[in-house]
């Protein structure tokens, strides 16, 4: 192979940033479809469309080697992390946190096998699953991707899922199995403060015995790839280092000490996180041992390709490192049978739409939901409910499919899915209606019109809004108290109080990606169920809430907590003492599981209806509430003007999109992605400015305080403050253009300023001022502000921005 061919095998672009001509020209060896990426941009694309798309690139790879004495097959990867979750109509399983509560390795193996079969139906070879993180902080926005806080379940499940996805060595070569990937190496579940993409600060012993256990069993089971974490690691013996740049973790430990001979793949655009690397330079990541670089935009992957080629030719990257990477890629392709398999669209399962969401597959999803639910409280023998009961279903999650399915579902954040995306699926309210009939089921999510007294029982669905990765992380100044996180969650608590005052019988179902402080909600309920993120098979919930139909056997709760449940609002890192670690000492940054941090419901808790409970409940009820301090106050800003930028050293300008994590906006050059193009511009006043070209995908641009330190701006609001900035509108927005003082839109409110922008003189610099009171009236919280400026649109627009300031009104300055 030529060096150009070798480097082509190491580059993995995204579907929308790659053409067949690119494959032929650069000898690209693999591609992936990121979340929200579909053939032809069609989110309803079926199995045949997927297989034809994959096949087009496969054919281009064959053509690329037509004049060579060998060929190298193309390989396609997808993030199928809870079923084939990017594909319309595919079976969606509960997220890993729910599966962890099932304590059933055979179930995991069967879920893996079904997922592999559905992936194969779309012609795809490789899935970036399973996630084998061991989440140790409830504030982390990826908790739900982990099976458990304890490595015991992670170790068992990693093996089972790899076996389900890949089968044995012979099975992997067949059309019904796919290449698996254990991720993210290593310690992403242990970052300090639960910071996404942060730093794990622990000894190497704990890194090994807490955070690496799923990798040990997954690799032993034959997983053919390992994805590296965005996060980093430091200990008393080793200074802070990003995993992607750590030759010690990747080469010395993973490849040499563990003997892993498969592919080490980088995460999405992770290379710039490493010291010495940029968007177009991944040299240090390659030298550390990463074999395939996952790079989103065409401009960036081509730049990395050229840079890597130059570095090899200059000797900066040894040819032996390139040969190691390519040998691993070829080895995995050989083990996957890719040289023997025909075109993706010609394989035995490819294009068979009936495989996606097949009845037996959905039945397994429903079984998975049943086995994952944990009954935390049951009093007054309210369960099971009668099938002829008159039921009121209320609460923010009563009829909200997004709260059930969570992130990484169809799109990155999963916040725009509807029941239409899940044929045969149901919301909680829909599943209740299927049992009792529409005439006996009243749905009133905000409890605005229903007469509680006319119903036999009230089922209250509450839960977190959907999120993925950093957008789900809880800031250090917030507690894990559910009702305090958002106004809509507070309304859920108010509803429960109203129902208690009305003397209603209440069964509460909590949808969440982590345990939360919900002690008062539990007290106000006769029965309380932790349902995690079960997906669209809500019928698995009603299988347990209601008595069986005549002649059928009853189902019972069998889920047991795989995470400790917090007793206090500020308890975030209290865990079971790992029994496999002798003389275990709670590490710095975690809480001793005693006293105020003793779990309300310990690891392994779970009640049953018909058999013995796994553990006793915490009673007697009502449980004492945590009356401790709220979140620590932010520093009160009492100045007249808060200068944000661009160019201000206190704030970092970043961009993120619905299928891409945050990336710094460089102040000294052009930044190109499929979502947005940014570049520095000058302004008439000499201030630093930035040009923003939005391309039609939901994209956010915001100013983030360095270190995430918030300020309290309520005094500025009270002094008639404004948020002002200079803007030059080159192309007005085609869709609503939102302004906010946080980076949590659309979960938190924002103002649509598209009309104001459209009304400005085209091509002229103008200063626009928005009263902070308008944002406050819309519901923006100014008590803890670490992102004082955000704009977001799903449409197209081109504008230049400079001189962003928050300032008191003229009479108050």
Foldseek 3Di string as FASTA:
>chain_A
DDPQLLVLCQEEEELVFDDLVNCLVRVHAEYEHFFQRDQVSDQADFLLSLLVSQLSNQVSQQVSCPVPPDGHGHAYEYAQEQAPQQYFQFAGFFAQCLLLLLLDLQLLLQSLLLSLQRCLQNLHAEHADDELFQAQFQLAQCLSSHNFVFNPSSLSNLLSNLCSQQPALVSLQASRHHAYEYDAQWDQNQAFPNAHLEEHEDDVVCRCRGICSNVLNNVVSPRQEYEYGSHWYDYPVGHTFGRLLALCRAPVPVCPVSVRLAAYEYDEQSQCSGPPADLLDNLSSLQSQHQHYYYYHNVSSVSVSVNVVVCCVVVVRDVVSSVSSSVNSRVVCVSSNVVPDDRSCPHPSGNPRCSRNPVVSNVSSLVSLLSSKFWQAAPPPCPQPALQFQEEEEAPQSFDQQLQAAAPGSFGQSQPDDCSSHVPFGGLQRLSCVRNNPVRYHYDHLPPDDDQVVGQAYEYEYEDGHGHGNLSRDDLLAFLAQLPPDVSSVSSLVVLVVCVVVVHAYEYEYEYSGAGPDLSVCLSHNIYMDSYNGHRRSNSVSLANHADDPPDDHRKHNGFRSAFHFQARHQTREADDHPVDPPDDDDPSHDHCDDNGPGQAHGGFGQISPDHGSDDHNDDPPDDYHPDDGGDFAAADDDFKDWQWDVDPQWFKWKAFRRGDIDTDDQDAWDDGPAWIKYWDADPVRGIKMKIWGAQGKMKIFIFGVVNRWYQCVVQLVLQKKWKWKKAWQFQWPFFKWKAQADNPPSFDTDGCSVVRVPDPHGDIDMDIGGVVVRVVRPHHRRTGRTGIMMIDNTTTIMMITGTMIGGDPVRD
